[in-house]
Amino acid sequence: LVSRTPDLTLLACEGHITQSTLNAAG
């Protein structure tokens, strides 16, 4: 979570989005 206001939420993703990483982290 980078920042959040009533109008806008900023998120940042880092690394690999794959089956193995999703299985490991949920």
mmCIF file of all heavy atoms, coordinates in Angstrom:
data_MODEL
# 
_entry.id   MODEL 
# 
loop_
_atom_site.group_PDB 
_atom_site.id 
_atom_site.type_symbol 
_atom_site.label_atom_id 
_atom_site.label_alt_id 
_atom_site.label_comp_id 
_atom_site.label_asym_id 
_atom_site.label_entity_id 
_atom_site.label_seq_id 
_atom_site.pdbx_PDB_ins_code 
_atom_site.Cartn_x 
_atom_site.Cartn_y 
_atom_site.Cartn_z 
_atom_site.occupancy 
_atom_site.B_iso_or_equiv 
_atom_site.pdbx_formal_charge 
_atom_site.auth_seq_id 
_atom_site.auth_comp_id 
_atom_site.auth_asym_id 
_atom_site.auth_atom_id 
_atom_site.pdbx_PDB_model_num 
ATOM 1   N N   . LEU A 1 1  ? 0.850   -1.183  0.000   1.00 0.00 ? 1  LEU A N   1 
ATOM 2   C CA  . LEU A 1 1  ? 0.000   0.000   0.000   1.00 0.00 ? 1  LEU A CA  1 
ATOM 3   C C   . LEU A 1 1  ? 0.888   1.236   0.000   1.00 0.00 ? 1  LEU A C   1 
ATOM 4   O O   . LEU A 1 1  ? 1.677   1.449   0.924   1.00 0.00 ? 1  LEU A O   1 
ATOM 5   C CB  . LEU A 1 1  ? -0.911  -0.002  1.236   1.00 0.00 ? 1  LEU A CB  1 
ATOM 6   C CG  . LEU A 1 1  ? -1.752  1.254   1.461   1.00 0.00 ? 1  LEU A CG  1 
ATOM 7   C CD1 . LEU A 1 1  ? -2.722  1.487   0.301   1.00 0.00 ? 1  LEU A CD1 1 
ATOM 8   C CD2 . LEU A 1 1  ? -2.508  1.160   2.789   1.00 0.00 ? 1  LEU A CD2 1 
ATOM 9   N N   . VAL A 1 2  ? 0.791   2.038   -1.053  1.00 0.00 ? 2  VAL A N   1 
ATOM 10  C CA  . VAL A 1 2  ? 1.603   3.254   -1.170  1.00 0.00 ? 2  VAL A CA  1 
ATOM 11  C C   . VAL A 1 2  ? 0.912   4.422   -0.491  1.00 0.00 ? 2  VAL A C   1 
ATOM 12  O O   . VAL A 1 2  ? 1.519   5.162   0.295   1.00 0.00 ? 2  VAL A O   1 
ATOM 13  C CB  . VAL A 1 2  ? 1.868   3.577   -2.659  1.00 0.00 ? 2  VAL A CB  1 
ATOM 14  C CG1 . VAL A 1 2  ? 2.678   4.870   -2.796  1.00 0.00 ? 2  VAL A CG1 1 
ATOM 15  C CG2 . VAL A 1 2  ? 2.580   2.410   -3.339  1.00 0.00 ? 2  VAL A CG2 1 
ATOM 16  N N   . SER A 1 3  ? -0.374  4.603   -0.776  1.00 0.00 ? 3  SER A N   1 
ATOM 17  C CA  . SER A 1 3  ? -1.145  5.675   -0.142  1.00 0.00 ? 3  SER A CA  1 
ATOM 18  C C   . SER A 1 3  ? -2.629  5.398   -0.338  1.00 0.00 ? 3  SER A C   1 
ATOM 19  O O   . SER A 1 3  ? -3.031  4.643   -1.222  1.00 0.00 ? 3  SER A O   1 
ATOM 20  C CB  . SER A 1 3  ? -0.784  7.047   -0.726  1.00 0.00 ? 3  SER A CB  1 
ATOM 21  O OG  . SER A 1 3  ? -1.168  7.131   -2.084  1.00 0.00 ? 3  SER A OG  1 
ATOM 22  N N   . ARG A 1 4  ? -3.431  6.053   0.491   1.00 0.00 ? 4  ARG A N   1 
ATOM 23  C CA  . ARG A 1 4  ? -4.884  5.883   0.387   1.00 0.00 ? 4  ARG A CA  1 
ATOM 24  C C   . ARG A 1 4  ? -5.585  7.150   0.810   1.00 0.00 ? 4  ARG A C   1 
ATOM 25  O O   . ARG A 1 4  ? -5.294  7.702   1.870   1.00 0.00 ? 4  ARG A O   1 
ATOM 26  C CB  . ARG A 1 4  ? -5.367  4.717   1.243   1.00 0.00 ? 4  ARG A CB  1 
ATOM 27  C CG  . ARG A 1 4  ? -6.853  4.380   1.048   1.00 0.00 ? 4  ARG A CG  1 
ATOM 28  C CD  . ARG A 1 4  ? -7.210  3.106   1.810   1.00 0.00 ? 4  ARG A CD  1 
ATOM 29  N NE  . ARG A 1 4  ? -8.569  2.655   1.491   1.00 0.00 ? 4  ARG A NE  1 
ATOM 30  C CZ  . ARG A 1 4  ? -9.643  2.912   2.221   1.00 0.00 ? 4  ARG A CZ  1 
ATOM 31  N NH1 . ARG A 1 4  ? -9.516  3.639   3.323   1.00 0.00 ? 4  ARG A NH1 1 
ATOM 32  N NH2 . ARG A 1 4  ? -10.831 2.463   1.858   1.00 0.00 ? 4  ARG A NH2 1 
ATOM 33  N N   . THR A 1 5  ? -6.487  7.638   -0.053  1.00 0.00 ? 5  THR A N   1 
ATOM 34  C CA  . THR A 1 5  ? -7.364  8.756   0.251   1.00 0.00 ? 5  THR A CA  1 
ATOM 35  C C   . THR A 1 5  ? -8.792  8.290   -0.032  1.00 0.00 ? 5  THR A C   1 
ATOM 36  O O   . THR A 1 5  ? -8.998  7.216   -0.614  1.00 0.00 ? 5  THR A O   1 
ATOM 37  C CB  . THR A 1 5  ? -7.025  9.977   -0.621  1.00 0.00 ? 5  THR A CB  1 
ATOM 38  O OG1 . THR A 1 5  ? -7.368  9.693   -1.990  1.00 0.00 ? 5  THR A OG1 1 
ATOM 39  C CG2 . THR A 1 5  ? -5.549  10.337  -0.533  1.00 0.00 ? 5  THR A CG2 1 
ATOM 40  N N   . PRO A 1 6  ? -9.798  9.082   0.344   1.00 0.00 ? 6  PRO A N   1 
ATOM 41  C CA  . PRO A 1 6  ? -11.170 8.681   0.027   1.00 0.00 ? 6  PRO A CA  1 
ATOM 42  C C   . PRO A 1 6  ? -11.423 8.498   -1.468  1.00 0.00 ? 6  PRO A C   1 
ATOM 43  O O   . PRO A 1 6  ? -12.329 7.749   -1.851  1.00 0.00 ? 6  PRO A O   1 
ATOM 44  C CB  . PRO A 1 6  ? -12.003 9.842   0.594   1.00 0.00 ? 6  PRO A CB  1 
ATOM 45  C CG  . PRO A 1 6  ? -11.170 10.388  1.712   1.00 0.00 ? 6  PRO A CG  1 
ATOM 46  C CD  . PRO A 1 6  ? -9.758  10.263  1.221   1.00 0.00 ? 6  PRO A CD  1 
ATOM 47  N N   . ASP A 1 7  ? -10.630 9.176   -2.307  1.00 0.00 ? 7  ASP A N   1 
ATOM 48  C CA  . ASP A 1 7  ? -10.851 9.114   -3.757  1.00 0.00 ? 7  ASP A CA  1 
ATOM 49  C C   . ASP A 1 7  ? -9.970  8.108   -4.472  1.00 0.00 ? 7  ASP A C   1 
ATOM 50  O O   . ASP A 1 7  ? -10.343 7.611   -5.541  1.00 0.00 ? 7  ASP A O   1 
ATOM 51  C CB  . ASP A 1 7  ? -10.613 10.501  -4.390  1.00 0.00 ? 7  ASP A CB  1 
ATOM 52  C CG  . ASP A 1 7  ? -11.602 11.536  -3.913  1.00 0.00 ? 7  ASP A CG  1 
ATOM 53  O OD1 . ASP A 1 7  ? -12.781 11.163  -3.730  1.00 0.00 ? 7  ASP A OD1 1 
ATOM 54  O OD2 . ASP A 1 7  ? -11.205 12.691  -3.709  1.00 0.00 ? 7  ASP A OD2 1 
ATOM 55  N N   . LEU A 1 8  ? -8.813  7.792   -3.919  1.00 0.00 ? 8  LEU A N   1 
ATOM 56  C CA  . LEU A 1 8  ? -7.851  6.996   -4.672  1.00 0.00 ? 8  LEU A CA  1 
ATOM 57  C C   . LEU A 1 8  ? -6.926  6.204   -3.758  1.00 0.00 ? 8  LEU A C   1 
ATOM 58  O O   . LEU A 1 8  ? -6.386  6.725   -2.784  1.00 0.00 ? 8  LEU A O   1 
ATOM 59  C CB  . LEU A 1 8  ? -7.008  7.925   -5.562  1.00 0.00 ? 8  LEU A CB  1 
ATOM 60  C CG  . LEU A 1 8  ? -6.014  7.273   -6.507  1.00 0.00 ? 8  LEU A CG  1 
ATOM 61  C CD1 . LEU A 1 8  ? -6.732  6.415   -7.541  1.00 0.00 ? 8  LEU A CD1 1 
ATOM 62  C CD2 . LEU A 1 8  ? -5.169  8.335   -7.210  1.00 0.00 ? 8  LEU A CD2 1 
ATOM 63  N N   . THR A 1 9  ? -6.750  4.925   -4.102  1.00 0.00 ? 9  THR A N   1 
ATOM 64  C CA  . THR A 1 9  ? -5.811  4.046   -3.392  1.00 0.00 ? 9  THR A CA  1 
ATOM 65  C C   . THR A 1 9  ? -4.695  3.654   -4.347  1.00 0.00 ? 9  THR A C   1 
ATOM 66  O O   . THR A 1 9  ? -4.954  3.193   -5.459  1.00 0.00 ? 9  THR A O   1 
ATOM 67  C CB  . THR A 1 9  ? -6.526  2.780   -2.890  1.00 0.00 ? 9  THR A CB  1 
ATOM 68  O OG1 . THR A 1 9  ? -7.512  3.155   -1.927  1.00 0.00 ? 9  THR A OG1 1 
ATOM 69  C CG2 . THR A 1 9  ? -5.538  1.827   -2.240  1.00 0.00 ? 9  THR A CG2 1 
ATOM 70  N N   . LEU A 1 10 ? -3.454  3.839   -3.912  1.00 0.00 ? 10 LEU A N   1 
ATOM 71  C CA  . LEU A 1 10 ? -2.296  3.489   -4.725  1.00 0.00 ? 10 LEU A CA  1 
ATOM 72  C C   . LEU A 1 10 ? -1.634  2.236   -4.160  1.00 0.00 ? 10 LEU A C   1 
ATOM 73  O O   . LEU A 1 10 ? -1.287  2.190   -2.981  1.00 0.00 ? 10 LEU A O   1 
ATOM 74  C CB  . LEU A 1 10 ? -1.280  4.637   -4.751  1.00 0.00 ? 10 LEU A CB  1 
ATOM 75  C CG  . LEU A 1 10 ? -1.769  5.996   -5.260  1.00 0.00 ? 10 LEU A CG  1 
ATOM 76  C CD1 . LEU A 1 10 ? -0.616  6.997   -5.283  1.00 0.00 ? 10 LEU A CD1 1 
ATOM 77  C CD2 . LEU A 1 10 ? -2.383  5.873   -6.652  1.00 0.00 ? 10 LEU A CD2 1 
ATOM 78  N N   . LEU A 1 11 ? -1.456  1.229   -5.020  1.00 0.00 ? 11 LEU A N   1 
ATOM 79  C CA  . LEU A 1 11 ? -0.761  0.002   -4.653  1.00 0.00 ? 11 LEU A CA  1 
ATOM 80  C C   . LEU A 1 11 ? 0.412   -0.211  -5.600  1.00 0.00 ? 11 LEU A C   1 
ATOM 81  O O   . LEU A 1 11 ? 0.404   0.269   -6.734  1.00 0.00 ? 11 LEU A O   1 
ATOM 82  C CB  . LEU A 1 11 ? -1.703  -1.202  -4.742  1.00 0.00 ? 11 LEU A CB  1 
ATOM 83  C CG  . LEU A 1 11 ? -2.939  -1.224  -3.845  1.00 0.00 ? 11 LEU A CG  1 
ATOM 84  C CD1 . LEU A 1 11 ? -3.770  -2.471  -4.139  1.00 0.00 ? 11 LEU A CD1 1 
ATOM 85  C CD2 . LEU A 1 11 ? -2.549  -1.179  -2.371  1.00 0.00 ? 11 LEU A CD2 1 
ATOM 86  N N   . ALA A 1 12 ? 1.399   -0.954  -5.140  1.00 0.00 ? 12 ALA A N   1 
ATOM 87  C CA  . ALA A 1 12 ? 2.544   -1.297  -5.974  1.00 0.00 ? 12 ALA A CA  1 
ATOM 88  C C   . ALA A 1 12 ? 2.829   -2.790  -5.844  1.00 0.00 ? 12 ALA A C   1 
ATOM 89  O O   . ALA A 1 12 ? 2.786   -3.347  -4.745  1.00 0.00 ? 12 ALA A O   1 
ATOM 90  C CB  . ALA A 1 12 ? 3.774   -0.490  -5.567  1.00 0.00 ? 12 ALA A CB  1 
ATOM 91  N N   . CYS A 1 13 ? 3.102   -3.416  -6.980  1.00 0.00 ? 13 CYS A N   1 
ATOM 92  C CA  . CYS A 1 13 ? 3.392   -4.846  -7.011  1.00 0.00 ? 13 CYS A CA  1 
ATOM 93  C C   . CYS A 1 13 ? 4.849   -5.053  -7.400  1.00 0.00 ? 13 CYS A C   1 
ATOM 94  O O   . CYS A 1 13 ? 5.362   -4.373  -8.299  1.00 0.00 ? 13 CYS A O   1 
ATOM 95  C CB  . CYS A 1 13 ? 2.463   -5.538  -8.010  1.00 0.00 ? 13 CYS A CB  1 
ATOM 96  S SG  . CYS A 1 13 ? 2.647   -7.320  -8.076  1.00 0.00 ? 13 CYS A SG  1 
ATOM 97  N N   . GLU A 1 14 ? 5.515   -6.000  -6.731  1.00 0.00 ? 14 GLU A N   1 
ATOM 98  C CA  . GLU A 1 14 ? 6.931   -6.255  -6.998  1.00 0.00 ? 14 GLU A CA  1 
ATOM 99  C C   . GLU A 1 14 ? 7.186   -7.755  -7.062  1.00 0.00 ? 14 GLU A C   1 
ATOM 100 O O   . GLU A 1 14 ? 6.631   -8.522  -6.280  1.00 0.00 ? 14 GLU A O   1 
ATOM 101 C CB  . GLU A 1 14 ? 7.770   -5.629  -5.880  1.00 0.00 ? 14 GLU A CB  1 
ATOM 102 C CG  . GLU A 1 14 ? 9.269   -5.742  -6.075  1.00 0.00 ? 14 GLU A CG  1 
ATOM 103 C CD  . GLU A 1 14 ? 10.048  -5.033  -4.985  1.00 0.00 ? 14 GLU A CD  1 
ATOM 104 O OE1 . GLU A 1 14 ? 9.416   -4.344  -4.165  1.00 0.00 ? 14 GLU A OE1 1 
ATOM 105 O OE2 . GLU A 1 14 ? 11.291  -5.186  -4.957  1.00 0.00 ? 14 GLU A OE2 1 
ATOM 106 N N   . GLY A 1 15 ? 7.999   -8.168  -8.044  1.00 0.00 ? 15 GLY A N   1 
ATOM 107 C CA  . GLY A 1 15 ? 8.369   -9.576  -8.149  1.00 0.00 ? 15 GLY A CA  1 
ATOM 108 C C   . GLY A 1 15 ? 7.636   -10.301 -9.252  1.00 0.00 ? 15 GLY A C   1 
ATOM 109 O O   . GLY A 1 15 ? 7.243   -9.712  -10.264 1.00 0.00 ? 15 GLY A O   1 
ATOM 110 N N   . HIS A 1 16 ? 7.448   -11.608 -9.083  1.00 0.00 ? 16 HIS A N   1 
ATOM 111 C CA  . HIS A 1 16 ? 6.793   -12.459 -10.074 1.00 0.00 ? 16 HIS A CA  1 
ATOM 112 C C   . HIS A 1 16 ? 5.359   -12.747 -9.642  1.00 0.00 ? 16 HIS A C   1 
ATOM 113 O O   . HIS A 1 16 ? 5.125   -13.098 -8.472  1.00 0.00 ? 16 HIS A O   1 
ATOM 114 C CB  . HIS A 1 16 ? 7.540   -13.785 -10.225 1.00 0.00 ? 16 HIS A CB  1 
ATOM 115 C CG  . HIS A 1 16 ? 8.887   -13.642 -10.839 1.00 0.00 ? 16 HIS A CG  1 
ATOM 116 N ND1 . HIS A 1 16 ? 9.576   -14.712 -11.362 1.00 0.00 ? 16 HIS A ND1 1 
ATOM 117 C CD2 . HIS A 1 16 ? 9.693   -12.562 -11.025 1.00 0.00 ? 16 HIS A CD2 1 
ATOM 118 C CE1 . HIS A 1 16 ? 10.730  -14.298 -11.845 1.00 0.00 ? 16 HIS A CE1 1 
ATOM 119 N NE2 . HIS A 1 16 ? 10.832  -12.991 -11.634 1.00 0.00 ? 16 HIS A NE2 1 
ATOM 120 N N   . ILE A 1 17 ? 4.416   -12.602 -10.572 1.00 0.00 ? 17 ILE A N   1 
ATOM 121 C CA  . ILE A 1 17 ? 3.027   -12.987 -10.286 1.00 0.00 ? 17 ILE A CA  1 
ATOM 122 C C   . ILE A 1 17 ? 2.801   -14.310 -11.003 1.00 0.00 ? 17 ILE A C   1 
ATOM 123 O O   . ILE A 1 17 ? 2.434   -14.358 -12.177 1.00 0.00 ? 17 ILE A O   1 
ATOM 124 C CB  . ILE A 1 17 ? 2.026   -11.925 -10.767 1.00 0.00 ? 17 ILE A CB  1 
ATOM 125 C CG1 . ILE A 1 17 ? 2.438   -10.521 -10.360 1.00 0.00 ? 17 ILE A CG1 1 
ATOM 126 C CG2 . ILE A 1 17 ? 0.630   -12.223 -10.201 1.00 0.00 ? 17 ILE A CG2 1 
ATOM 127 C CD1 . ILE A 1 17 ? 1.508   -9.430  -10.848 1.00 0.00 ? 17 ILE A CD1 1 
ATOM 128 N N   . THR A 1 18 ? 3.026   -15.387 -10.310 1.00 0.00 ? 18 THR A N   1 
ATOM 129 C CA  . THR A 1 18 ? 2.967   -16.718 -10.920 1.00 0.00 ? 18 THR A CA  1 
ATOM 130 C C   . THR A 1 18 ? 2.229   -17.682 -9.999  1.00 0.00 ? 18 THR A C   1 
ATOM 131 O O   . THR A 1 18 ? 1.920   -17.356 -8.846  1.00 0.00 ? 18 THR A O   1 
ATOM 132 C CB  . THR A 1 18 ? 4.378   -17.265 -11.182 1.00 0.00 ? 18 THR A CB  1 
ATOM 133 O OG1 . THR A 1 18 ? 5.059   -17.394 -9.919  1.00 0.00 ? 18 THR A OG1 1 
ATOM 134 C CG2 . THR A 1 18 ? 5.180   -16.340 -12.087 1.00 0.00 ? 18 THR A CG2 1 
ATOM 135 N N   . GLN A 1 19 ? 1.991   -18.851 -10.501 1.00 0.00 ? 19 GLN A N   1 
ATOM 136 C CA  . GLN A 1 19 ? 1.294   -19.867 -9.707  1.00 0.00 ? 19 GLN A CA  1 
ATOM 137 C C   . GLN A 1 19 ? 2.044   -20.179 -8.425  1.00 0.00 ? 19 GLN A C   1 
ATOM 138 O O   . GLN A 1 19 ? 1.453   -20.288 -7.344  1.00 0.00 ? 19 GLN A O   1 
ATOM 139 C CB  . GLN A 1 19 ? 1.104   -21.146 -10.527 1.00 0.00 ? 19 GLN A CB  1 
ATOM 140 C CG  . GLN A 1 19 ? 0.343   -22.238 -9.781  1.00 0.00 ? 19 GLN A CG  1 
ATOM 141 C CD  . GLN A 1 19 ? 0.113   -23.467 -10.649 1.00 0.00 ? 19 GLN A CD  1 
ATOM 142 O OE1 . GLN A 1 19 ? 0.712   -23.610 -11.699 1.00 0.00 ? 19 GLN A OE1 1 
ATOM 143 N NE2 . GLN A 1 19 ? -0.759  -24.354 -10.198 1.00 0.00 ? 19 GLN A NE2 1 
ATOM 144 N N   . SER A 1 20 ? 3.371   -20.308 -8.522  1.00 0.00 ? 20 SER A N   1 
ATOM 145 C CA  . SER A 1 20 ? 4.158   -20.669 -7.335  1.00 0.00 ? 20 SER A CA  1 
ATOM 146 C C   . SER A 1 20 ? 4.137   -19.565 -6.287  1.00 0.00 ? 20 SER A C   1 
ATOM 147 O O   . SER A 1 20 ? 4.001   -19.836 -5.086  1.00 0.00 ? 20 SER A O   1 
ATOM 148 C CB  . SER A 1 20 ? 5.601   -20.988 -7.741  1.00 0.00 ? 20 SER A CB  1 
ATOM 149 O OG  . SER A 1 20 ? 6.207   -19.866 -8.363  1.00 0.00 ? 20 SER A OG  1 
ATOM 150 N N   . THR A 1 21 ? 4.243   -18.305 -6.703  1.00 0.00 ? 21 THR A N   1 
ATOM 151 C CA  . THR A 1 21 ? 4.242   -17.213 -5.716  1.00 0.00 ? 21 THR A CA  1 
ATOM 152 C C   . THR A 1 21 ? 2.861   -17.021 -5.110  1.00 0.00 ? 21 THR A C   1 
ATOM 153 O O   . THR A 1 21 ? 2.730   -16.705 -3.933  1.00 0.00 ? 21 THR A O   1 
ATOM 154 C CB  . THR A 1 21 ? 4.723   -15.897 -6.351  1.00 0.00 ? 21 THR A CB  1 
ATOM 155 O OG1 . THR A 1 21 ? 3.886   -15.562 -7.477  1.00 0.00 ? 21 THR A OG1 1 
ATOM 156 C CG2 . THR A 1 21 ? 6.162   -16.011 -6.824  1.00 0.00 ? 21 THR A CG2 1 
ATOM 157 N N   . LEU A 1 22 ? 1.826   -17.220 -5.905  1.00 0.00 ? 22 LEU A N   1 
ATOM 158 C CA  . LEU A 1 22 ? 0.467   -17.090 -5.382  1.00 0.00 ? 22 LEU A CA  1 
ATOM 159 C C   . LEU A 1 22 ? 0.138   -18.228 -4.425  1.00 0.00 ? 22 LEU A C   1 
ATOM 160 O O   . LEU A 1 22 ? -0.523  -18.039 -3.404  1.00 0.00 ? 22 LEU A O   1 
ATOM 161 C CB  . LEU A 1 22 ? -0.542  -17.046 -6.529  1.00 0.00 ? 22 LEU A CB  1 
ATOM 162 C CG  . LEU A 1 22 ? -0.522  -15.770 -7.387  1.00 0.00 ? 22 LEU A CG  1 
ATOM 163 C CD1 . LEU A 1 22 ? -1.370  -15.954 -8.635  1.00 0.00 ? 22 LEU A CD1 1 
ATOM 164 C CD2 . LEU A 1 22 ? -1.024  -14.580 -6.577  1.00 0.00 ? 22 LEU A CD2 1 
ATOM 165 N N   . ASN A 1 23 ? 0.608   -19.428 -4.744  1.00 0.00 ? 23 ASN A N   1 
ATOM 166 C CA  . ASN A 1 23 ? 0.383   -20.569 -3.847  1.00 0.00 ? 23 ASN A CA  1 
ATOM 167 C C   . ASN A 1 23 ? 1.112   -20.388 -2.526  1.00 0.00 ? 23 ASN A C   1 
ATOM 168 O O   . ASN A 1 23 ? 0.628   -20.769 -1.453  1.00 0.00 ? 23 ASN A O   1 
ATOM 169 C CB  . ASN A 1 23 ? 0.859   -21.868 -4.514  1.00 0.00 ? 23 ASN A CB  1 
ATOM 170 C CG  . ASN A 1 23 ? -0.086  -22.330 -5.600  1.00 0.00 ? 23 ASN A CG  1 
ATOM 171 O OD1 . ASN A 1 23 ? -1.240  -21.891 -5.666  1.00 0.00 ? 23 ASN A OD1 1 
ATOM 172 N ND2 . ASN A 1 23 ? 0.389   -23.211 -6.477  1.00 0.00 ? 23 ASN A ND2 1 
ATOM 173 N N   . ALA A 1 24 ? 2.291   -19.784 -2.607  1.00 0.00 ? 24 ALA A N   1 
ATOM 174 C CA  . ALA A 1 24 ? 3.103   -19.608 -1.395  1.00 0.00 ? 24 ALA A CA  1 
ATOM 175 C C   . ALA A 1 24 ? 2.560   -18.513 -0.487  1.00 0.00 ? 24 ALA A C   1 
ATOM 176 O O   . ALA A 1 24 ? 2.576   -18.646 0.742   1.00 0.00 ? 24 ALA A O   1 
ATOM 177 C CB  . ALA A 1 24 ? 4.543   -19.291 -1.792  1.00 0.00 ? 24 ALA A CB  1 
ATOM 178 N N   . ALA A 1 25 ? 2.053   -17.437 -1.120  1.00 0.00 ? 25 ALA A N   1 
ATOM 179 C CA  . ALA A 1 25 ? 1.645   -16.268 -0.329  1.00 0.00 ? 25 ALA A CA  1 
ATOM 180 C C   . ALA A 1 25 ? 0.135   -16.147 -0.163  1.00 0.00 ? 25 ALA A C   1 
ATOM 181 O O   . ALA A 1 25 ? -0.332  -15.362 0.662   1.00 0.00 ? 25 ALA A O   1 
ATOM 182 C CB  . ALA A 1 25 ? 2.192   -14.993 -0.983  1.00 0.00 ? 25 ALA A CB  1 
ATOM 183 N N   . GLY A 1 26 ? -0.634  -16.908 -0.916  1.00 0.00 ? 26 GLY A N   1 
ATOM 184 C CA  . GLY A 1 26 ? -2.081  -16.716 -0.905  1.00 0.00 ? 26 GLY A CA  1 
ATOM 185 C C   . GLY A 1 26 ? -2.438  -15.457 -1.669  1.00 0.00 ? 26 GLY A C   1 
ATOM 186 O O   . GLY A 1 26 ? -1.631  -14.910 -2.419  1.00 0.00 ? 26 GLY A O   1 
# 
